[in-house]
Amino acid sequence: MLKPKIGFLFDVDGTLTTFKRNDSVVDLLIINDLELIRKKKHPIGLVTGRGVDWVRNFFFNHINETLREYILIFGEYGLVNWYKGKKIRKQIKKEIKENLFLAKDEFTKEICEYLELESYVSYVAPDKRSLWIEPKELMITYRSLPFFGLIPERFLKIINPILEKYSDTLKAYVSEQALDILPVKESKKTAAEKAIRILDPNKEIELWYAFGDSESDEDMALARNGNVKFFKIETSMTSDLHRIIQKILAGGTF
């Protein structure tokens, strides 16, 4: 009996990485797994809320050039992607772009005034109590600093009255690591659909294995253009992910 042709979709933060002092730390065991997947010629897509620039300048620093060219990035929930050697942004309505710009200013001001913070924009965690804003192109992300009591649930509670004003165009996802605000029609489902369409243009993949550590990641299983089996990995439990990948590549079933 022939084995089905398979592909892999991964969330990044907390799935392919662990956390230490609020920053993602790459697990080299997982990098080895990705290299093995590449050698077996199974397609790999990163379906992540992280931005393309962060993935390419941080995560990709830990992998070789061949693997770097092999993996495609579907960042910011598929709003900003990296394939064919260039960054490609999704076309979104002018109204949504304007609302993202206006809402970011309002959200940031409200959180900073309420919690008496200064804003800090960077991929690197601040070393003092601040509102940590991750650079993004088509969405908004406030990252967690739990040591200072600055957690995404708290941010969401503060901005909820303002967010309701934009509810026709914007929505929020909250996780342990971040509060993400993005256009209402975008999700890990739409990002996974884009990944499948680009990674498998000839529709040869019979089964996609998807992995993530949050509820929003589970939406990858809803992709309408592919058969997706989703595995929820506890945050930072890369040893569990490694075990599952090895079993899949050995021809095991779940």
C-alpha atoms as a PDB file:
ATOM      1  CA  MET A   1       0.000   0.000   0.000  1.00  0.00           C
ATOM      2  CA  LEU A   2       1.438   3.362  -1.022  1.00  0.00           C
ATOM      3  CA  LYS A   3       1.985   5.940   1.684  1.00  0.00           C
ATOM      4  CA  PRO A   4      -0.006   9.163   1.211  1.00  0.00           C
ATOM      5  CA  LYS A   5       1.866  12.258   0.110  1.00  0.00           C
ATOM      6  CA  ILE A   6       2.117  14.539   3.119  1.00  0.00           C
ATOM      7  CA  GLY A   7       2.981  18.146   3.979  1.00  0.00           C
ATOM      8  CA  PHE A   8       3.668  20.085   7.178  1.00  0.00           C
ATOM      9  CA  LEU A   9       2.304  23.358   8.564  1.00  0.00           C
ATOM     10  CA  PHE A  10       3.768  24.835  11.746  1.00  0.00           C
ATOM     11  CA  ASP A  11       3.001  27.679  14.085  1.00  0.00           C
ATOM     12  CA  VAL A  12       6.304  29.143  15.302  1.00  0.00           C
ATOM     13  CA  ASP A  13       6.090  30.726  18.776  1.00  0.00           C
ATOM     14  CA  GLY A  14       5.767  28.119  21.493  1.00  0.00           C
ATOM     15  CA  THR A  15       5.547  25.342  18.905  1.00  0.00           C
ATOM     16  CA  LEU A  16       8.905  25.308  17.138  1.00  0.00           C
ATOM     17  CA  THR A  17      10.408  27.408  19.942  1.00  0.00           C
ATOM     18  CA  THR A  18      10.470  27.564  23.718  1.00  0.00           C
ATOM     19  CA  PHE A  19      10.329  30.697  25.877  1.00  0.00           C
ATOM     20  CA  LYS A  20      12.992  32.176  28.141  1.00  0.00           C
ATOM     21  CA  ARG A  21      12.664  35.637  29.686  1.00  0.00           C
ATOM     22  CA  ASN A  22       9.822  36.480  27.281  1.00  0.00           C
ATOM     23  CA  ASP A  23      11.842  35.681  24.154  1.00  0.00           C
ATOM     24  CA  SER A  24      11.505  32.741  21.774  1.00  0.00           C
ATOM     25  CA  VAL A  25      14.403  30.294  21.977  1.00  0.00           C
ATOM     26  CA  VAL A  26      15.043  27.957  19.059  1.00  0.00           C
ATOM     27  CA  ASP A  27      15.245  24.230  19.834  1.00  0.00           C
ATOM     28  CA  LEU A  28      17.965  22.748  17.632  1.00  0.00           C
ATOM     29  CA  LEU A  29      16.329  19.323  17.889  1.00  0.00           C
ATOM     30  CA  ILE A  30      13.359  20.762  15.990  1.00  0.00           C
ATOM     31  CA  ILE A  31      15.666  22.323  13.399  1.00  0.00           C
ATOM     32  CA  ASN A  32      17.048  18.838  12.754  1.00  0.00           C
ATOM     33  CA  ASP A  33      13.485  17.574  12.315  1.00  0.00           C
ATOM     34  CA  LEU A  34      12.772  20.290   9.740  1.00  0.00           C
ATOM     35  CA  GLU A  35      15.917  19.338   7.859  1.00  0.00           C
ATOM     36  CA  LEU A  36      14.816  15.697   7.814  1.00  0.00           C
ATOM     37  CA  ILE A  37      11.388  16.719   6.473  1.00  0.00           C
ATOM     38  CA  ARG A  38      13.116  18.698   3.718  1.00  0.00           C
ATOM     39  CA  LYS A  39      15.337  15.763   2.775  1.00  0.00           C
ATOM     40  CA  LYS A  40      12.220  13.630   2.393  1.00  0.00           C
ATOM     41  CA  LYS A  41      10.827  16.376   0.109  1.00  0.00           C
ATOM     42  CA  HIS A  42       7.680  17.058   2.130  1.00  0.00           C
ATOM     43  CA  PRO A  43       6.592  20.724   1.803  1.00  0.00           C
ATOM     44  CA  ILE A  44       6.910  22.954   4.883  1.00  0.00           C
ATOM     45  CA  GLY A  45       4.961  26.126   5.627  1.00  0.00           C
ATOM     46  CA  LEU A  46       5.203  28.345   8.696  1.00  0.00           C
ATOM     47  CA  VAL A  47       1.694  29.590   9.481  1.00  0.00           C
ATOM     48  CA  THR A  48       2.377  32.192  12.139  1.00  0.00           C
ATOM     49  CA  GLY A  49       1.250  35.434  13.700  1.00  0.00           C
ATOM     50  CA  ARG A  50       4.876  36.554  13.686  1.00  0.00           C
ATOM     51  CA  GLY A  51       6.030  38.892  10.961  1.00  0.00           C
ATOM     52  CA  VAL A  52       8.095  37.754   7.997  1.00  0.00           C
ATOM     53  CA  ASP A  53      11.023  39.955   9.033  1.00  0.00           C
ATOM     54  CA  TRP A  54      11.159  38.394  12.509  1.00  0.00           C
ATOM     55  CA  VAL A  55      11.115  34.864  11.098  1.00  0.00           C
ATOM     56  CA  ARG A  56      13.799  35.617   8.520  1.00  0.00           C
ATOM     57  CA  ASN A  57      16.049  37.606  10.886  1.00  0.00           C
ATOM     58  CA  PHE A  58      15.636  35.491  14.013  1.00  0.00           C
ATOM     59  CA  PHE A  59      14.321  31.988  13.418  1.00  0.00           C
ATOM     60  CA  PHE A  60      16.082  31.568  10.073  1.00  0.00           C
ATOM     61  CA  ASN A  61      19.407  32.514  11.645  1.00  0.00           C
ATOM     62  CA  HIS A  62      19.438  29.028  13.147  1.00  0.00           C
ATOM     63  CA  ILE A  63      18.965  27.054   9.931  1.00  0.00           C
ATOM     64  CA  ASN A  64      21.155  26.477   6.897  1.00  0.00           C
ATOM     65  CA  GLU A  65      20.652  28.282   3.602  1.00  0.00           C
ATOM     66  CA  THR A  66      19.161  25.249   1.845  1.00  0.00           C
ATOM     67  CA  LEU A  67      16.469  24.827   4.494  1.00  0.00           C
ATOM     68  CA  ARG A  68      15.922  28.591   4.575  1.00  0.00           C
ATOM     69  CA  GLU A  69      15.091  28.561   0.881  1.00  0.00           C
ATOM     70  CA  TYR A  70      12.863  25.494   1.228  1.00  0.00           C
ATOM     71  CA  ILE A  71      10.540  26.774   3.959  1.00  0.00           C
ATOM     72  CA  LEU A  72       7.806  29.262   3.010  1.00  0.00           C
ATOM     73  CA  ILE A  73       6.528  31.821   5.526  1.00  0.00           C
ATOM     74  CA  PHE A  74       2.879  32.779   5.895  1.00  0.00           C
ATOM     75  CA  GLY A  75       3.237  35.563   8.454  1.00  0.00           C
ATOM     76  CA  GLU A  76       0.772  37.835  10.211  1.00  0.00           C
ATOM     77  CA  TYR A  77      -1.959  35.200   9.754  1.00  0.00           C
ATOM     78  CA  GLY A  78      -1.185  35.047   6.038  1.00  0.00           C
ATOM     79  CA  LEU A  79      -1.339  38.811   5.513  1.00  0.00           C
ATOM     80  CA  VAL A  80       2.383  39.065   4.762  1.00  0.00           C
ATOM     81  CA  ASN A  81       4.163  36.114   3.159  1.00  0.00           C
ATOM     82  CA  TRP A  82       7.605  35.111   1.925  1.00  0.00           C
ATOM     83  CA  TYR A  83       8.017  32.894  -1.111  1.00  0.00           C
ATOM     84  CA  LYS A  84       9.749  33.009  -4.475  1.00  0.00           C
ATOM     85  CA  GLY A  85      12.467  34.991  -2.725  1.00  0.00           C
ATOM     86  CA  LYS A  86      10.360  38.029  -1.906  1.00  0.00           C
ATOM     87  CA  LYS A  87       7.857  39.460   0.516  1.00  0.00           C
ATOM     88  CA  ILE A  88       4.263  39.525  -0.706  1.00  0.00           C
ATOM     89  CA  ARG A  89       1.535  41.469   1.115  1.00  0.00           C
ATOM     90  CA  LYS A  90      -2.146  40.654   0.833  1.00  0.00           C
ATOM     91  CA  GLN A  91      -4.295  43.371  -0.671  1.00  0.00           C
ATOM     92  CA  ILE A  92      -6.770  44.543   1.948  1.00  0.00           C
ATOM     93  CA  LYS A  93      -9.407  47.249   1.770  1.00  0.00           C
ATOM     94  CA  LYS A  94      -8.400  50.858   2.342  1.00  0.00           C
ATOM     95  CA  GLU A  95     -10.950  51.145   5.175  1.00  0.00           C
ATOM     96  CA  ILE A  96      -9.335  48.249   7.042  1.00  0.00           C
ATOM     97  CA  LYS A  97      -5.844  49.739   6.671  1.00  0.00           C
ATOM     98  CA  GLU A  98      -7.089  53.076   7.950  1.00  0.00           C
ATOM     99  CA  ASN A  99      -8.824  51.425  10.904  1.00  0.00           C
ATOM    100  CA  LEU A 100      -5.675  49.490  11.811  1.00  0.00           C
ATOM    101  CA  PHE A 101      -3.699  52.734  11.830  1.00  0.00           C
ATOM    102  CA  LEU A 102      -6.275  54.644  13.878  1.00  0.00           C
ATOM    103  CA  ALA A 103      -6.972  51.781  16.273  1.00  0.00           C
ATOM    104  CA  LYS A 104      -3.291  51.218  17.013  1.00  0.00           C
ATOM    105  CA  ASP A 105      -2.914  54.820  18.154  1.00  0.00           C
ATOM    106  CA  GLU A 106      -6.054  54.610  20.290  1.00  0.00           C
ATOM    107  CA  PHE A 107      -5.199  51.229  21.820  1.00  0.00           C
ATOM    108  CA  THR A 108      -1.628  52.228  22.589  1.00  0.00           C
ATOM    109  CA  LYS A 109      -2.633  55.510  24.196  1.00  0.00           C
ATOM    110  CA  GLU A 110      -5.340  53.825  26.309  1.00  0.00           C
ATOM    111  CA  ILE A 111      -3.069  51.051  27.592  1.00  0.00           C
ATOM    112  CA  CYS A 112      -0.165  53.405  28.289  1.00  0.00           C
ATOM    113  CA  GLU A 113      -2.341  55.890  30.195  1.00  0.00           C
ATOM    114  CA  TYR A 114      -4.205  53.221  32.156  1.00  0.00           C
ATOM    115  CA  LEU A 115      -1.080  51.288  33.191  1.00  0.00           C
ATOM    116  CA  GLU A 116       1.289  54.297  33.260  1.00  0.00           C
ATOM    117  CA  LEU A 117       3.618  52.871  30.628  1.00  0.00           C
ATOM    118  CA  GLU A 118       5.791  54.096  27.812  1.00  0.00           C
ATOM    119  CA  SER A 119       5.508  52.293  24.483  1.00  0.00           C
ATOM    120  CA  TYR A 120       8.459  50.262  23.252  1.00  0.00           C
ATOM    121  CA  VAL A 121       8.588  49.049  19.630  1.00  0.00           C
ATOM    122  CA  SER A 122      11.027  46.219  18.935  1.00  0.00           C
ATOM    123  CA  TYR A 123      11.436  42.510  18.242  1.00  0.00           C
ATOM    124  CA  VAL A 124      13.597  42.305  21.384  1.00  0.00           C
ATOM    125  CA  ALA A 125      12.004  42.289  24.841  1.00  0.00           C
ATOM    126  CA  PRO A 126      12.491  45.475  26.897  1.00  0.00           C
ATOM    127  CA  ASP A 127      14.470  45.298  30.136  1.00  0.00           C
ATOM    128  CA  LYS A 128      12.023  47.508  31.999  1.00  0.00           C
ATOM    129  CA  ARG A 129       8.264  47.840  32.479  1.00  0.00           C
ATOM    130  CA  SER A 130       6.925  48.993  29.094  1.00  0.00           C
ATOM    131  CA  LEU A 131       4.177  48.407  26.575  1.00  0.00           C
ATOM    132  CA  TRP A 132       6.026  46.062  24.215  1.00  0.00           C
ATOM    133  CA  ILE A 133       4.751  46.515  20.664  1.00  0.00           C
ATOM    134  CA  GLU A 134       6.054  44.096  18.052  1.00  0.00           C
ATOM    135  CA  PRO A 135       6.666  45.623  14.587  1.00  0.00           C
ATOM    136  CA  LYS A 136       3.985  44.446  12.159  1.00  0.00           C
ATOM    137  CA  GLU A 137       2.847  45.567   8.707  1.00  0.00           C
ATOM    138  CA  LEU A 138      -0.860  44.667   8.507  1.00  0.00           C
ATOM    139  CA  MET A 139      -1.838  43.877  12.093  1.00  0.00           C
ATOM    140  CA  ILE A 140      -1.175  45.020  15.682  1.00  0.00           C
ATOM    141  CA  THR A 141       0.642  42.999  18.337  1.00  0.00           C
ATOM    142  CA  TYR A 142       1.179  43.755  22.030  1.00  0.00           C
ATOM    143  CA  ARG A 143       3.513  41.192  23.564  1.00  0.00           C
ATOM    144  CA  SER A 144       3.409  39.825  27.083  1.00  0.00           C
ATOM    145  CA  LEU A 145       5.785  40.810  29.882  1.00  0.00           C
ATOM    146  CA  PRO A 146       4.477  38.580  32.690  1.00  0.00           C
ATOM    147  CA  PHE A 147       7.366  39.413  35.046  1.00  0.00           C
ATOM    148  CA  PHE A 148       5.933  42.950  35.187  1.00  0.00           C
ATOM    149  CA  GLY A 149       2.315  41.778  35.341  1.00  0.00           C
ATOM    150  CA  LEU A 150       1.724  42.904  31.755  1.00  0.00           C
ATOM    151  CA  ILE A 151      -0.293  40.115  30.173  1.00  0.00           C
ATOM    152  CA  PRO A 152      -2.460  40.040  27.010  1.00  0.00           C
ATOM    153  CA  GLU A 153      -5.730  39.408  28.878  1.00  0.00           C
ATOM    154  CA  ARG A 154      -5.168  42.631  30.793  1.00  0.00           C
ATOM    155  CA  PHE A 155      -4.509  44.587  27.603  1.00  0.00           C
ATOM    156  CA  LEU A 156      -7.664  43.215  25.981  1.00  0.00           C
ATOM    157  CA  LYS A 157      -9.821  44.188  28.939  1.00  0.00           C
ATOM    158  CA  ILE A 158      -8.522  47.756  28.733  1.00  0.00           C
ATOM    159  CA  ILE A 159      -9.071  48.202  24.990  1.00  0.00           C
ATOM    160  CA  ASN A 160     -12.324  46.240  24.628  1.00  0.00           C
ATOM    161  CA  PRO A 161     -14.571  49.348  24.641  1.00  0.00           C
ATOM    162  CA  ILE A 162     -12.497  50.841  21.818  1.00  0.00           C
ATOM    163  CA  LEU A 163     -12.289  47.548  19.924  1.00  0.00           C
ATOM    164  CA  GLU A 164     -16.086  47.344  19.829  1.00  0.00           C
ATOM    165  CA  LYS A 165     -16.052  50.529  17.749  1.00  0.00           C
ATOM    166  CA  TYR A 166     -14.023  48.708  15.106  1.00  0.00           C
ATOM    167  CA  SER A 167     -15.808  45.358  15.389  1.00  0.00           C
ATOM    168  CA  ASP A 168     -16.969  45.429  11.746  1.00  0.00           C
ATOM    169  CA  THR A 169     -13.388  45.387  10.488  1.00  0.00           C
ATOM    170  CA  LEU A 170     -11.060  44.263  13.316  1.00  0.00           C
ATOM    171  CA  LYS A 171     -10.910  41.410  15.818  1.00  0.00           C
ATOM    172  CA  ALA A 172      -8.567  40.261  18.590  1.00  0.00           C
ATOM    173  CA  TYR A 173      -6.788  36.995  19.366  1.00  0.00           C
ATOM    174  CA  VAL A 174      -5.304  36.567  22.816  1.00  0.00           C
ATOM    175  CA  SER A 175      -2.678  34.012  23.863  1.00  0.00           C
ATOM    176  CA  GLU A 176      -0.131  33.681  26.655  1.00  0.00           C
ATOM    177  CA  GLN A 177       2.460  35.486  24.542  1.00  0.00           C
ATOM    178  CA  ALA A 178       0.563  38.245  22.760  1.00  0.00           C
ATOM    179  CA  LEU A 179      -2.576  40.180  21.982  1.00  0.00           C
ATOM    180  CA  ASP A 180      -3.048  40.305  18.203  1.00  0.00           C
ATOM    181  CA  ILE A 181      -5.495  42.612  16.447  1.00  0.00           C
ATOM    182  CA  LEU A 182      -6.155  41.873  12.779  1.00  0.00           C
ATOM    183  CA  PRO A 183      -8.829  42.137  10.065  1.00  0.00           C
ATOM    184  CA  VAL A 184     -11.967  40.147  10.886  1.00  0.00           C
ATOM    185  CA  LYS A 185     -11.759  37.861   7.862  1.00  0.00           C
ATOM    186  CA  GLU A 186      -8.186  36.723   8.535  1.00  0.00           C
ATOM    187  CA  SER A 187      -7.284  33.689  10.660  1.00  0.00           C
ATOM    188  CA  LYS A 188      -4.996  30.671  10.783  1.00  0.00           C
ATOM    189  CA  LYS A 189      -7.647  29.002   8.589  1.00  0.00           C
ATOM    190  CA  THR A 190      -7.229  31.529   5.775  1.00  0.00           C
ATOM    191  CA  ALA A 191      -3.445  31.476   6.258  1.00  0.00           C
ATOM    192  CA  ALA A 192      -3.389  27.668   6.030  1.00  0.00           C
ATOM    193  CA  GLU A 193      -5.515  27.777   2.869  1.00  0.00           C
ATOM    194  CA  LYS A 194      -3.035  30.161   1.288  1.00  0.00           C
ATOM    195  CA  ALA A 195      -0.133  27.951   2.386  1.00  0.00           C
ATOM    196  CA  ILE A 196      -1.734  24.834   0.908  1.00  0.00           C
ATOM    197  CA  ARG A 197      -2.551  26.605  -2.356  1.00  0.00           C
ATOM    198  CA  ILE A 198       1.035  27.807  -2.795  1.00  0.00           C
ATOM    199  CA  LEU A 199       2.878  24.762  -1.445  1.00  0.00           C
ATOM    200  CA  ASP A 200       0.771  22.281  -3.412  1.00  0.00           C
ATOM    201  CA  PRO A 201      -0.268  23.962  -6.692  1.00  0.00           C
ATOM    202  CA  ASN A 202      -0.906  20.607  -8.377  1.00  0.00           C
ATOM    203  CA  LYS A 203      -3.012  19.268  -5.484  1.00  0.00           C
ATOM    204  CA  GLU A 204      -0.808  16.224  -4.921  1.00  0.00           C
ATOM    205  CA  ILE A 205      -0.660  16.318  -1.103  1.00  0.00           C
ATOM    206  CA  GLU A 206      -3.196  13.951   0.409  1.00  0.00           C
ATOM    207  CA  LEU A 207      -2.646  14.823   4.074  1.00  0.00           C
ATOM    208  CA  TRP A 208      -1.301  17.900   5.846  1.00  0.00           C
ATOM    209  CA  TYR A 209      -0.005  17.707   9.402  1.00  0.00           C
ATOM    210  CA  ALA A 210      -0.446  21.012  11.264  1.00  0.00           C
ATOM    211  CA  PHE A 211       0.943  21.933  14.679  1.00  0.00           C
ATOM    212  CA  GLY A 212       0.311  24.795  17.096  1.00  0.00           C
ATOM    213  CA  ASP A 213      -0.012  25.684  20.754  1.00  0.00           C
ATOM    214  CA  SER A 214      -3.061  27.992  20.860  1.00  0.00           C
ATOM    215  CA  GLU A 215      -6.754  27.960  20.067  1.00  0.00           C
ATOM    216  CA  SER A 216      -6.237  30.202  17.042  1.00  0.00           C
ATOM    217  CA  ASP A 217      -3.801  27.607  15.631  1.00  0.00           C
ATOM    218  CA  GLU A 218      -6.572  25.001  15.683  1.00  0.00           C
ATOM    219  CA  ASP A 219      -8.252  26.918  12.844  1.00  0.00           C
ATOM    220  CA  MET A 220      -5.676  25.441  10.462  1.00  0.00           C
ATOM    221  CA  ALA A 221      -7.715  22.228  10.579  1.00  0.00           C
ATOM    222  CA  LEU A 222     -10.646  24.107   8.997  1.00  0.00           C
ATOM    223  CA  ALA A 223      -8.831  24.800   5.724  1.00  0.00           C
ATOM    224  CA  ARG A 224     -11.227  23.939   2.912  1.00  0.00           C
ATOM    225  CA  ASN A 225      -8.670  23.138   0.243  1.00  0.00           C
ATOM    226  CA  GLY A 226      -6.779  20.363   2.013  1.00  0.00           C
ATOM    227  CA  ASN A 227      -7.101  17.445   4.392  1.00  0.00           C
ATOM    228  CA  VAL A 228      -5.484  18.816   7.574  1.00  0.00           C
ATOM    229  CA  LYS A 229      -4.819  16.846  10.749  1.00  0.00           C
ATOM    230  CA  PHE A 230      -4.057  19.225  13.610  1.00  0.00           C
ATOM    231  CA  PHE A 231      -1.953  18.478  16.695  1.00  0.00           C
ATOM    232  CA  LYS A 232      -2.120  20.862  19.635  1.00  0.00           C
ATOM    233  CA  ILE A 233       1.256  21.018  21.361  1.00  0.00           C
ATOM    234  CA  GLU A 234       1.512  22.406  24.875  1.00  0.00           C
ATOM    235  CA  THR A 235       3.414  25.693  24.770  1.00  0.00           C
ATOM    236  CA  SER A 236       7.190  25.138  24.604  1.00  0.00           C
ATOM    237  CA  MET A 237       6.865  21.320  24.718  1.00  0.00           C
ATOM    238  CA  THR A 238       9.120  20.849  21.712  1.00  0.00           C
ATOM    239  CA  SER A 239      10.017  17.354  22.911  1.00  0.00           C
ATOM    240  CA  ASP A 240       6.408  16.301  22.257  1.00  0.00           C
ATOM    241  CA  LEU A 241       6.516  17.872  18.795  1.00  0.00           C
ATOM    242  CA  HIS A 242       9.785  16.073  18.035  1.00  0.00           C
ATOM    243  CA  ARG A 243       8.282  12.735  19.046  1.00  0.00           C
ATOM    244  CA  ILE A 244       5.235  13.210  16.809  1.00  0.00           C
ATOM    245  CA  ILE A 245       7.289  14.337  13.799  1.00  0.00           C
ATOM    246  CA  GLN A 246       9.590  11.352  14.152  1.00  0.00           C
ATOM    247  CA  LYS A 247       6.631   8.984  14.317  1.00  0.00           C
ATOM    248  CA  ILE A 248       5.042  10.526  11.212  1.00  0.00           C
ATOM    249  CA  LEU A 249       8.267  10.340   9.236  1.00  0.00           C
ATOM    250  CA  ALA A 250       8.708   6.717  10.291  1.00  0.00           C
ATOM    251  CA  GLY A 251       5.301   5.931   8.789  1.00  0.00           C
ATOM    252  CA  GLY A 252       3.401   5.786  12.046  1.00  0.00           C
ATOM    253  CA  THR A 253      -0.309   6.558  12.345  1.00  0.00           C
ATOM    254  CA  PHE A 254      -2.329   8.576  14.861  1.00  0.00           C
END
